[in-house]
Amino acid sequence: MLLKRTKNTVFWLMAALLAGLLAIKVGYGLSYVALMAFLLCAYAAGQWFERMLALFLLFYLGMALLDVSDYRGHIYLPTIRLYVLAALCMFVACKCFDLLLPRLSAAARSSLPLPHSSSLDGSYSGLLNFSASNKRVVYAHLLVVYLALAFVYIRYGNILVYQDLRFGLTTAVGYIIKSAIYIPLVYWASREPKDRRHFIIYVLAPLLPALFIGSRGTVLMVVLGLMLIQFMQSHHFAYRSDGSVIRFRPRVLAYGGGASLVFIYGIYYLRRWFSDSGYLSPSEALNEYFYSDSVWGYLVMPLHLAFRETLGLTNRIVSEGLSNSYASVPLFYADLITILPGRQMGAGEAMGLAFGTAAAGGLTPGIIGGLYIDFGVGFLLVLLAMVLVIKLFERYARGSDSWLVIYALSFVQFLHLFHRGFLKPEYLFAYIIVVFYLLLTPRYRLNAQVGGTLGCGGAQLERRSKLIVY
């Protein structure tokens, strides 16, 4: 308890210091160091959601804000101050949420479905393995996806190597191919023991088609979601339906991290080894953007350039005072309008016209720039609303595997949105797919608790054929 109070005290002191540094407008270097220090304090003093968000921001902003290249120009002080302000507001809002929720819950328990810090009624609602109907639906789903993938490769060519070919895909075909990547989230949350054959069918097979059309970002997010589900289950009611214990083993992190590195580095360098791919070769890119040609540049380059892209575009939006002059609606949800009949300009396309792009696709400035170009400092309201909703999902996830899947999906989509910056129909489509499979998946309820921890031997199992939506 004393350690927790000390961490919270350090967090609030660091938050006050960061606010003071924003007020007096310190330089770039000190702002960078203060931001990294604050994120470390947020990790130490936070709960699970804040810790994972802090780790992501430490990695993402720590890599993107490093002054090791001139890709997309230099990042100016107003831009880094905007990111400092966003981080400060997000974590302070989460702390206030944790302080206020117990009081609100006690005052309005009878009328509002506010979650407890653990679960709603002292029990846990778990997911069983896929039923026979689930499996038939999955097999049919995968058959449609792989037929669509074969059609794309026959008609358009090798999209994995020649990434620009993916821009010729129709939206419907692309969504069909990527629709299967959300199946692993539901399967992985089930409390049945996993085996290699089912892993291939329900995890690997659904992810590969999206990877083969160049959607490595969405595949990477699902892999992170699987690790998040495993981690959360190992800390909340960590028992399978057969009584065995769920543990977050180091090999899970190693496999997930290794797969993520293959997605990022493998595809990045694969498509640059072909002279007719339209991209600079690895050595040309290193000499073009970095201050030296050290071998370490090859390790930093894929991540730094990807993250720096969003920071550089946001930097121009902020420093040049750019606004949305291409679309009649805010760019943040302009892509949602593109599914309507007629020709509407997407957000990435508008950004590509504004800044210019070497590839056939559009550009994305990250969520800070994507919101700032339309709403100015008001972007904070939208950002905080999303963070607090996901924080609420995390509370519900402590009492239900179904909510855990929703939480994991929401969290990884927020990370993807943080990088991309604009909503797209795929984000909403993902919830439809996930809820559909949750409705098919049988559930059971674990009721027995011993000393505040689930007593596996006395757990009462109750099979249910449909998901109860809370």
Protein backbone atom coordinates (compact mmCIF):
# COMPACT_ATOMS: atom_id res chain seq x y z
CA MET A 1 0.00 0.00 0.00
CA LEU A 2 2.84 2.39 0.88
CA LEU A 3 4.56 1.63 -2.42
CA LYS A 4 1.33 2.32 -4.31
CA ARG A 5 0.86 5.65 -2.55
CA THR A 6 4.46 6.59 -3.31
CA LYS A 7 4.00 5.79 -7.01
CA ASN A 8 0.80 7.83 -7.14
CA THR A 9 2.50 10.76 -5.41
CA VAL A 10 5.39 10.64 -7.86
CA PHE A 11 2.91 10.50 -10.76
CA TRP A 12 1.04 13.62 -9.61
CA LEU A 13 4.28 15.48 -8.96
CA MET A 14 5.53 14.56 -12.44
CA ALA A 15 2.21 15.60 -13.97
CA ALA A 16 2.47 18.98 -12.20
CA LEU A 17 6.06 19.36 -13.40
CA LEU A 18 5.08 18.53 -16.96
CA ALA A 19 2.26 21.06 -16.86
CA GLY A 20 4.72 23.65 -15.59
CA LEU A 21 7.16 22.88 -18.40
CA LEU A 22 4.35 23.33 -20.90
CA ALA A 23 3.56 26.72 -19.38
CA ILE A 24 7.11 28.07 -19.54
CA LYS A 25 7.79 26.62 -23.02
CA VAL A 26 11.07 24.76 -22.48
CA GLY A 27 13.17 23.51 -25.39
CA TYR A 28 12.77 20.39 -27.53
CA GLY A 29 15.35 18.25 -25.75
CA LEU A 30 13.98 18.89 -22.26
CA SER A 31 10.41 18.38 -23.49
CA TYR A 32 11.40 15.01 -24.94
CA VAL A 33 13.11 13.86 -21.72
CA ALA A 34 10.22 15.11 -19.56
CA LEU A 35 7.68 13.28 -21.75
CA MET A 36 9.59 10.00 -21.52
CA ALA A 37 9.96 10.40 -17.74
CA PHE A 38 6.25 11.13 -17.35
CA LEU A 39 5.31 8.03 -19.36
CA LEU A 40 7.54 5.93 -17.12
CA CYS A 41 5.77 7.35 -14.06
CA ALA A 42 2.39 6.69 -15.69
CA TYR A 43 3.42 3.09 -16.25
CA ALA A 44 4.61 2.62 -12.66
CA ALA A 45 1.52 4.20 -11.07
CA GLY A 46 -1.12 3.02 -13.52
CA GLN A 47 -3.43 0.04 -13.76
CA TRP A 48 -3.32 -2.41 -16.66
CA PHE A 49 -4.77 -0.11 -19.31
CA GLU A 50 -2.51 2.81 -18.41
CA ARG A 51 0.54 0.57 -18.27
CA MET A 52 -0.02 -0.87 -21.71
CA LEU A 53 -0.83 2.55 -23.16
CA ALA A 54 2.27 4.03 -21.52
CA LEU A 55 4.48 1.27 -22.96
CA PHE A 56 3.05 1.87 -26.42
CA LEU A 57 3.61 5.62 -26.24
CA LEU A 58 7.11 5.18 -24.83
CA PHE A 59 8.01 3.00 -27.79
CA TYR A 60 6.12 4.95 -30.44
CA LEU A 61 6.93 8.53 -29.44
CA GLY A 62 10.37 7.61 -28.15
CA MET A 63 11.26 6.26 -31.57
CA ALA A 64 9.44 8.90 -33.67
CA LEU A 65 10.70 11.96 -31.79
CA LEU A 66 14.36 10.91 -31.83
CA ASP A 67 16.37 13.41 -33.81
CA VAL A 68 18.29 10.83 -35.87
CA SER A 69 16.99 11.55 -39.38
CA ASP A 70 15.59 14.36 -41.49
CA TYR A 71 12.71 12.30 -42.87
CA ARG A 72 9.67 14.59 -43.17
CA GLY A 73 11.82 17.44 -41.87
CA HIS A 74 12.61 18.48 -38.32
CA ILE A 75 9.96 18.30 -35.61
CA TYR A 76 9.35 21.76 -34.14
CA LEU A 77 8.69 22.63 -30.51
CA PRO A 78 4.89 23.34 -30.88
CA THR A 79 4.41 19.81 -32.21
CA ILE A 80 6.15 18.00 -29.38
CA ARG A 81 4.30 20.24 -26.92
CA LEU A 82 1.03 19.05 -28.44
CA TYR A 83 2.01 15.42 -27.85
CA VAL A 84 3.08 16.25 -24.30
CA LEU A 85 -0.30 17.88 -23.68
CA ALA A 86 -2.15 14.87 -25.12
CA ALA A 87 -0.21 12.40 -22.96
CA LEU A 88 -0.70 14.51 -19.84
CA CYS A 89 -4.45 14.79 -20.35
CA MET A 90 -4.95 11.10 -21.16
CA PHE A 91 -3.23 9.75 -18.08
CA VAL A 92 -4.60 12.36 -15.70
CA ALA A 93 -8.10 11.57 -17.01
CA CYS A 94 -7.52 7.85 -16.35
CA LYS A 95 -6.39 8.62 -12.80
CA CYS A 96 -9.48 10.74 -12.19
CA PHE A 97 -11.62 7.92 -13.61
CA ASP A 98 -10.17 5.49 -11.06
CA LEU A 99 -10.77 7.95 -8.24
CA LEU A 100 -14.35 8.84 -9.18
CA LEU A 101 -15.74 5.50 -10.39
CA PRO A 102 -15.98 3.80 -6.96
CA ARG A 103 -17.87 6.80 -5.56
CA LEU A 104 -20.23 6.95 -8.53
CA SER A 105 -20.71 3.20 -8.40
CA ALA A 106 -21.64 3.26 -4.71
CA ALA A 107 -24.07 6.14 -5.23
CA ALA A 108 -25.83 4.79 -8.31
CA ARG A 109 -25.46 1.00 -8.17
CA SER A 110 -29.21 0.47 -8.11
CA SER A 111 -29.92 2.47 -11.27
CA LEU A 112 -26.74 2.44 -13.39
CA PRO A 113 -24.77 -0.63 -14.58
CA LEU A 114 -21.42 0.69 -13.39
CA PRO A 115 -18.75 -2.02 -13.06
CA HIS A 116 -16.98 -3.01 -9.86
CA SER A 117 -13.20 -3.02 -9.78
CA SER A 118 -13.28 -6.79 -10.38
CA SER A 119 -16.59 -8.11 -11.76
CA LEU A 120 -20.24 -7.21 -11.57
CA ASP A 121 -21.55 -9.94 -9.27
CA GLY A 122 -18.55 -11.78 -7.86
CA SER A 123 -18.48 -14.31 -10.71
CA TYR A 124 -16.77 -14.60 -14.05
CA SER A 125 -18.42 -15.31 -17.39
CA GLY A 126 -16.06 -17.48 -19.45
CA LEU A 127 -16.09 -18.58 -23.07
CA LEU A 128 -15.96 -22.25 -24.01
CA ASN A 129 -14.28 -23.49 -27.16
CA PHE A 130 -15.96 -23.10 -30.52
CA SER A 131 -19.10 -25.19 -30.84
CA ALA A 132 -19.94 -27.29 -33.90
CA SER A 133 -21.93 -24.41 -35.36
CA ASN A 134 -18.98 -22.06 -34.74
CA LYS A 135 -16.64 -24.37 -36.59
CA ARG A 136 -18.92 -24.72 -39.60
CA VAL A 137 -19.24 -20.93 -39.82
CA VAL A 138 -15.46 -20.47 -39.49
CA TYR A 139 -14.74 -23.03 -42.24
CA ALA A 140 -17.23 -21.40 -44.59
CA HIS A 141 -15.86 -17.97 -43.73
CA LEU A 142 -12.27 -19.03 -44.42
CA LEU A 143 -13.30 -20.64 -47.71
CA VAL A 144 -14.80 -17.36 -48.92
CA VAL A 145 -11.73 -15.42 -47.75
CA TYR A 146 -9.23 -17.68 -49.51
CA LEU A 147 -11.29 -17.68 -52.72
CA ALA A 148 -11.25 -13.87 -52.62
CA LEU A 149 -7.47 -13.92 -52.03
CA ALA A 150 -6.95 -16.24 -54.99
CA PHE A 151 -9.07 -13.94 -57.16
CA VAL A 152 -6.98 -10.93 -56.12
CA TYR A 153 -3.65 -12.61 -56.89
CA ILE A 154 -4.87 -13.89 -60.24
CA ARG A 155 -6.27 -10.54 -61.30
CA TYR A 156 -3.85 -8.03 -59.72
CA GLY A 157 -0.59 -9.92 -59.10
CA ASN A 158 1.76 -10.32 -56.14
CA ILE A 159 0.51 -7.64 -53.76
CA LEU A 160 2.82 -8.82 -50.95
CA VAL A 161 5.85 -7.58 -52.91
CA TYR A 162 4.28 -4.84 -55.02
CA GLN A 163 2.31 -2.98 -52.39
CA ASP A 164 0.93 -0.31 -54.71
CA LEU A 165 -1.23 -2.97 -56.37
CA ARG A 166 -3.43 -3.08 -53.26
CA PHE A 167 -4.81 0.35 -54.09
CA GLY A 168 -6.56 -1.21 -57.09
CA LEU A 169 -8.62 -3.49 -54.86
CA THR A 170 -12.26 -2.67 -54.39
CA THR A 171 -13.29 -1.90 -50.83
CA ALA A 172 -15.62 -4.91 -50.68
CA VAL A 173 -12.94 -7.42 -51.71
CA GLY A 174 -10.43 -5.97 -49.28
CA TYR A 175 -12.91 -6.18 -46.41
CA ILE A 176 -13.82 -9.77 -47.28
CA ILE A 177 -10.17 -10.81 -47.14
CA LYS A 178 -9.50 -8.97 -43.88
CA SER A 179 -12.76 -10.04 -42.22
CA ALA A 180 -11.23 -13.29 -40.92
CA ILE A 181 -8.48 -11.65 -38.85
CA TYR A 182 -10.85 -11.09 -35.90
CA ILE A 183 -11.66 -14.80 -35.47
CA PRO A 184 -8.43 -15.42 -33.48
CA LEU A 185 -9.47 -12.91 -30.79
CA VAL A 186 -12.62 -14.88 -29.95
CA TYR A 187 -10.89 -18.26 -30.18
CA TRP A 188 -7.95 -17.17 -28.03
CA ALA A 189 -10.27 -15.89 -25.28
CA SER A 190 -12.00 -19.28 -24.95
CA ARG A 191 -11.16 -21.21 -21.79
CA GLU A 192 -10.53 -24.53 -23.51
CA PRO A 193 -6.90 -25.79 -23.73
CA LYS A 194 -5.27 -24.83 -27.03
CA ASP A 195 -3.52 -27.28 -29.36
CA ARG A 196 -1.39 -26.88 -32.45
CA ARG A 197 -4.02 -28.02 -34.95
CA HIS A 198 -6.61 -25.56 -33.69
CA PHE A 199 -3.96 -22.83 -33.56
CA ILE A 200 -3.31 -23.31 -37.28
CA ILE A 201 -7.01 -23.31 -38.14
CA TYR A 202 -8.29 -20.53 -35.89
CA VAL A 203 -5.25 -18.24 -35.60
CA LEU A 204 -2.76 -18.70 -38.41
CA ALA A 205 -5.19 -19.39 -41.27
CA PRO A 206 -7.36 -16.29 -40.57
CA LEU A 207 -4.33 -13.98 -40.36
CA LEU A 208 -2.42 -14.99 -43.48
CA PRO A 209 -4.83 -13.63 -46.16
CA ALA A 210 -4.69 -10.10 -44.75
CA LEU A 211 -0.92 -10.32 -44.60
CA PHE A 212 -0.78 -11.35 -48.25
CA ILE A 213 -2.58 -8.19 -49.34
CA GLY A 214 -0.17 -5.98 -47.38
CA SER A 215 -2.29 -5.28 -44.29
CA ARG A 216 0.54 -5.91 -41.88
CA GLY A 217 -0.65 -3.18 -39.50
CA THR A 218 -4.01 -4.83 -38.85
CA VAL A 219 -2.40 -8.26 -38.52
CA LEU A 220 0.12 -6.87 -36.06
CA MET A 221 -2.70 -5.35 -34.01
CA VAL A 222 -4.48 -8.70 -33.79
CA VAL A 223 -1.26 -10.38 -32.62
CA LEU A 224 -0.95 -7.74 -29.91
CA GLY A 225 -4.60 -8.36 -29.04
CA LEU A 226 -3.91 -12.07 -28.56
CA MET A 227 -1.05 -11.28 -26.18
CA LEU A 228 -3.27 -8.83 -24.32
CA ILE A 229 -6.01 -11.45 -23.87
CA GLN A 230 -3.50 -14.01 -22.60
CA PHE A 231 -2.03 -11.47 -20.21
CA MET A 232 -5.37 -10.31 -18.83
CA GLN A 233 -6.69 -13.84 -18.37
CA SER A 234 -3.57 -14.81 -16.46
CA HIS A 235 -4.29 -12.01 -13.93
CA HIS A 236 -8.10 -12.23 -13.61
CA PHE A 237 -9.80 -15.59 -12.95
CA ALA A 238 -6.85 -17.43 -14.45
CA TYR A 239 -8.47 -20.85 -14.90
CA ARG A 240 -9.53 -22.86 -17.90
CA SER A 241 -12.74 -24.84 -17.96
CA ASP A 242 -10.81 -28.05 -17.14
CA GLY A 243 -9.29 -26.51 -14.00
CA SER A 244 -5.80 -25.83 -15.38
CA VAL A 245 -4.18 -22.46 -14.76
CA ILE A 246 -3.67 -19.87 -17.50
CA ARG A 247 -0.22 -18.32 -17.29
CA PHE A 248 1.35 -15.59 -19.36
CA ARG A 249 4.54 -17.40 -20.26
CA PRO A 250 7.65 -15.66 -21.67
CA ARG A 251 7.38 -17.75 -24.82
CA VAL A 252 4.00 -16.12 -25.59
CA LEU A 253 5.73 -12.74 -25.57
CA ALA A 254 8.64 -14.15 -27.56
CA TYR A 255 6.40 -15.70 -30.22
CA GLY A 256 4.18 -12.64 -30.46
CA GLY A 257 7.14 -10.26 -30.53
CA GLY A 258 8.94 -12.41 -33.09
CA ALA A 259 5.88 -12.54 -35.33
CA SER A 260 5.48 -8.76 -35.04
CA LEU A 261 9.11 -8.20 -36.05
CA VAL A 262 8.67 -10.50 -39.05
CA PHE A 263 5.58 -8.54 -40.13
CA ILE A 264 7.35 -5.19 -39.79
CA TYR A 265 10.90 -5.88 -40.93
CA GLY A 266 10.24 -8.74 -43.33
CA ILE A 267 7.68 -6.97 -45.49
CA TYR A 268 9.50 -3.61 -45.23
CA TYR A 269 12.72 -4.99 -46.69
CA LEU A 270 11.07 -7.54 -48.97
CA ARG A 271 9.30 -4.91 -51.04
CA ARG A 272 12.46 -2.74 -51.22
CA TRP A 273 14.67 -5.49 -52.62
CA PHE A 274 12.83 -5.36 -55.94
CA SER A 275 14.08 -2.56 -58.16
CA ASP A 276 10.69 -2.06 -59.82
CA SER A 277 8.69 -1.80 -56.58
CA GLY A 278 8.69 2.02 -56.63
CA TYR A 279 10.49 2.34 -53.27
CA LEU A 280 14.05 3.31 -52.43
CA SER A 281 16.32 0.37 -51.72
CA PRO A 282 17.34 -0.07 -48.04
CA SER A 283 20.79 1.43 -48.63
CA GLU A 284 19.34 4.33 -50.63
CA ALA A 285 16.79 5.08 -47.92
CA LEU A 286 19.47 4.98 -45.24
CA ASN A 287 21.71 7.40 -47.14
CA GLU A 288 18.76 9.63 -48.02
CA TYR A 289 17.23 10.17 -44.59
CA PHE A 290 19.78 9.35 -41.88
CA TYR A 291 22.82 11.24 -40.74
CA SER A 292 25.10 8.19 -41.04
CA ASP A 293 25.21 4.85 -42.85
CA SER A 294 25.79 2.80 -39.71
CA VAL A 295 24.54 -0.78 -39.68
CA TRP A 296 22.34 0.20 -36.72
CA GLY A 297 20.34 2.32 -39.12
CA TYR A 298 18.95 -0.81 -40.74
CA LEU A 299 17.50 -1.86 -37.37
CA VAL A 300 16.01 1.56 -36.58
CA MET A 301 14.86 2.55 -40.06
CA PRO A 302 11.61 0.53 -40.54
CA LEU A 303 10.09 1.66 -37.24
CA HIS A 304 11.52 5.17 -37.17
CA LEU A 305 10.39 6.05 -40.68
CA ALA A 306 6.90 4.58 -40.15
CA PHE A 307 6.35 6.49 -36.91
CA ARG A 308 8.15 9.61 -38.12
CA GLU A 309 5.76 9.80 -41.07
CA THR A 310 2.83 10.64 -38.78
CA LEU A 311 4.86 13.02 -36.62
CA GLY A 312 6.21 14.82 -39.67
CA LEU A 313 2.77 15.35 -41.17
CA THR A 314 1.37 16.53 -37.84
CA ASN A 315 4.34 18.87 -37.56
CA ARG A 316 3.40 20.55 -40.84
CA ILE A 317 -0.26 20.77 -39.87
CA VAL A 318 0.62 22.48 -36.58
CA SER A 319 3.51 24.68 -37.71
CA GLU A 320 1.84 25.85 -40.94
CA GLY A 321 -1.65 26.18 -39.49
CA LEU A 322 -3.15 23.90 -42.14
CA SER A 323 -6.87 23.16 -42.15
CA ASN A 324 -9.19 20.83 -44.05
CA SER A 325 -9.88 22.43 -47.42
CA TYR A 326 -10.40 19.26 -49.46
CA ALA A 327 -13.36 17.46 -47.91
CA SER A 328 -16.75 18.84 -46.94
CA VAL A 329 -16.79 16.81 -43.70
CA PRO A 330 -14.13 16.48 -40.96
CA LEU A 331 -11.34 14.24 -42.18
CA PHE A 332 -11.50 12.21 -38.98
CA TYR A 333 -14.62 10.39 -40.20
CA ALA A 334 -14.46 11.21 -43.92
CA ASP A 335 -13.59 7.60 -44.75
CA LEU A 336 -16.88 6.46 -43.20
CA ILE A 337 -18.71 8.50 -45.84
CA THR A 338 -16.90 6.75 -48.70
CA ILE A 339 -19.09 3.64 -48.29
CA LEU A 340 -22.11 5.69 -49.42
CA PRO A 341 -23.10 5.74 -53.11
CA GLY A 342 -21.22 8.19 -55.29
CA ARG A 343 -17.64 9.44 -55.28
CA GLN A 344 -16.37 10.84 -51.99
CA MET A 345 -12.81 11.78 -51.16
CA GLY A 346 -11.19 9.73 -48.41
CA ALA A 347 -9.13 11.28 -45.64
CA GLY A 348 -5.86 9.70 -46.74
CA GLU A 349 -6.46 10.83 -50.32
CA ALA A 350 -7.05 14.40 -49.14
CA MET A 351 -3.83 14.31 -47.15
CA GLY A 352 -1.98 12.94 -50.16
CA LEU A 353 -3.16 15.90 -52.24
CA ALA A 354 -2.14 18.32 -49.51
CA PHE A 355 1.36 16.98 -48.92
CA GLY A 356 2.18 14.90 -51.98
CA THR A 357 3.00 11.20 -51.94
CA ALA A 358 5.35 8.97 -53.89
CA ALA A 359 3.02 5.99 -53.65
CA ALA A 360 -0.48 5.57 -55.04
CA GLY A 361 -2.13 5.69 -51.63
CA GLY A 362 -2.86 8.51 -49.25
CA LEU A 363 -1.07 9.79 -46.17
CA THR A 364 -2.05 9.60 -42.53
CA PRO A 365 -0.87 12.05 -39.83
CA GLY A 366 -1.76 10.05 -36.72
CA ILE A 367 -4.64 10.81 -34.41
CA ILE A 368 -3.17 14.07 -33.10
CA GLY A 369 -2.75 15.60 -36.54
CA GLY A 370 -5.90 13.95 -37.89
CA LEU A 371 -8.03 15.61 -35.22
CA TYR A 372 -6.06 18.86 -35.02
CA ILE A 373 -6.51 19.68 -38.72
CA ASP A 374 -10.30 19.92 -38.15
CA PHE A 375 -10.82 20.68 -34.45
CA GLY A 376 -7.66 22.46 -33.29
CA VAL A 377 -7.03 22.05 -29.55
CA GLY A 378 -10.54 20.60 -29.32
CA PHE A 379 -8.96 17.32 -30.47
CA LEU A 380 -8.41 16.62 -26.77
CA LEU A 381 -12.13 16.12 -26.16
CA VAL A 382 -12.39 13.39 -28.81
CA LEU A 383 -9.15 11.77 -27.64
CA LEU A 384 -10.22 11.71 -23.99
CA ALA A 385 -13.65 10.32 -24.86
CA MET A 386 -12.08 7.36 -26.66
CA VAL A 387 -9.57 6.69 -23.88
CA LEU A 388 -12.22 6.74 -21.14
CA VAL A 389 -14.56 4.44 -23.08
CA ILE A 390 -11.75 1.89 -23.48
CA LYS A 391 -10.91 2.34 -19.80
CA LEU A 392 -14.53 1.46 -18.98
CA PHE A 393 -14.34 -1.61 -21.24
CA GLU A 394 -11.26 -2.70 -19.30
CA ARG A 395 -13.30 -2.64 -16.07
CA TYR A 396 -16.00 -4.84 -17.59
CA ALA A 397 -13.31 -7.16 -19.01
CA ARG A 398 -12.35 -8.16 -15.47
CA GLY A 399 -15.62 -10.04 -15.16
CA SER A 400 -16.24 -11.49 -18.62
CA ASP A 401 -14.31 -13.08 -21.47
CA SER A 402 -16.77 -11.54 -23.92
CA TRP A 403 -16.00 -8.07 -22.63
CA LEU A 404 -12.31 -9.00 -22.64
CA VAL A 405 -12.51 -9.60 -26.39
CA ILE A 406 -14.30 -6.26 -26.88
CA TYR A 407 -11.70 -4.54 -24.72
CA ALA A 408 -8.75 -6.13 -26.54
CA LEU A 409 -10.26 -5.20 -29.92
CA SER A 410 -10.93 -1.62 -28.78
CA PHE A 411 -7.46 -1.19 -27.31
CA VAL A 412 -5.54 -2.44 -30.35
CA GLN A 413 -7.79 -0.49 -32.71
CA PHE A 414 -7.04 2.63 -30.70
CA LEU A 415 -3.32 1.95 -31.12
CA HIS A 416 -3.86 1.54 -34.86
CA LEU A 417 -5.97 4.71 -34.93
CA PHE A 418 -3.28 6.58 -32.99
CA HIS A 419 -0.93 5.83 -35.88
CA ARG A 420 -3.40 6.19 -38.71
CA GLY A 421 -5.35 9.19 -37.49
CA PHE A 422 -8.66 8.71 -39.31
CA LEU A 423 -11.61 6.43 -38.65
CA LYS A 424 -12.36 3.93 -41.39
CA PRO A 425 -15.30 1.56 -41.92
CA GLU A 426 -13.07 -1.39 -41.10
CA TYR A 427 -13.01 -0.38 -37.43
CA LEU A 428 -16.79 -0.65 -37.19
CA PHE A 429 -16.86 -3.77 -39.35
CA ALA A 430 -14.51 -5.45 -36.84
CA TYR A 431 -17.06 -5.13 -34.03
CA ILE A 432 -19.76 -6.71 -36.20
CA ILE A 433 -17.54 -9.74 -36.90
CA VAL A 434 -16.46 -10.12 -33.27
CA VAL A 435 -19.97 -9.80 -31.80
CA PHE A 436 -21.28 -12.26 -34.39
CA TYR A 437 -18.79 -14.93 -33.28
CA LEU A 438 -19.37 -14.15 -29.61
CA LEU A 439 -23.08 -14.76 -30.11
CA LEU A 440 -22.29 -18.23 -31.45
CA THR A 441 -19.79 -19.17 -28.76
CA PRO A 442 -21.05 -21.13 -25.71
CA ARG A 443 -20.38 -19.62 -22.29
CA TYR A 444 -20.14 -20.80 -18.72
CA ARG A 445 -20.18 -18.96 -15.43
CA LEU A 446 -17.60 -19.43 -12.67
CA ASN A 447 -19.26 -18.71 -9.34
CA ALA A 448 -17.09 -20.08 -6.54
CA GLN A 449 -14.53 -17.86 -4.85
CA VAL A 450 -12.12 -18.77 -2.10
CA GLY A 451 -10.39 -15.92 -0.31
CA GLY A 452 -11.22 -13.52 -3.09
CA THR A 453 -9.71 -15.81 -5.73
CA LEU A 454 -11.61 -18.23 -7.93
CA GLY A 455 -11.77 -21.68 -6.39
CA CYS A 456 -11.44 -23.87 -9.43
CA GLY A 457 -12.48 -27.08 -7.73
CA GLY A 458 -15.83 -25.64 -6.64
CA ALA A 459 -16.57 -23.70 -9.79
CA GLN A 460 -20.07 -24.23 -11.12
CA LEU A 461 -20.28 -24.47 -14.88
CA GLU A 462 -23.32 -23.27 -16.70
CA ARG A 463 -23.35 -23.66 -20.49
CA ARG A 464 -25.14 -21.03 -22.49
CA SER A 465 -25.62 -21.00 -26.23
CA LYS A 466 -25.87 -17.24 -26.62
CA LEU A 467 -24.00 -14.22 -25.36
CA ILE A 468 -25.82 -12.08 -22.81
CA VAL A 469 -25.13 -8.47 -23.78
CA TYR A 470 -24.70 -6.46 -20.57
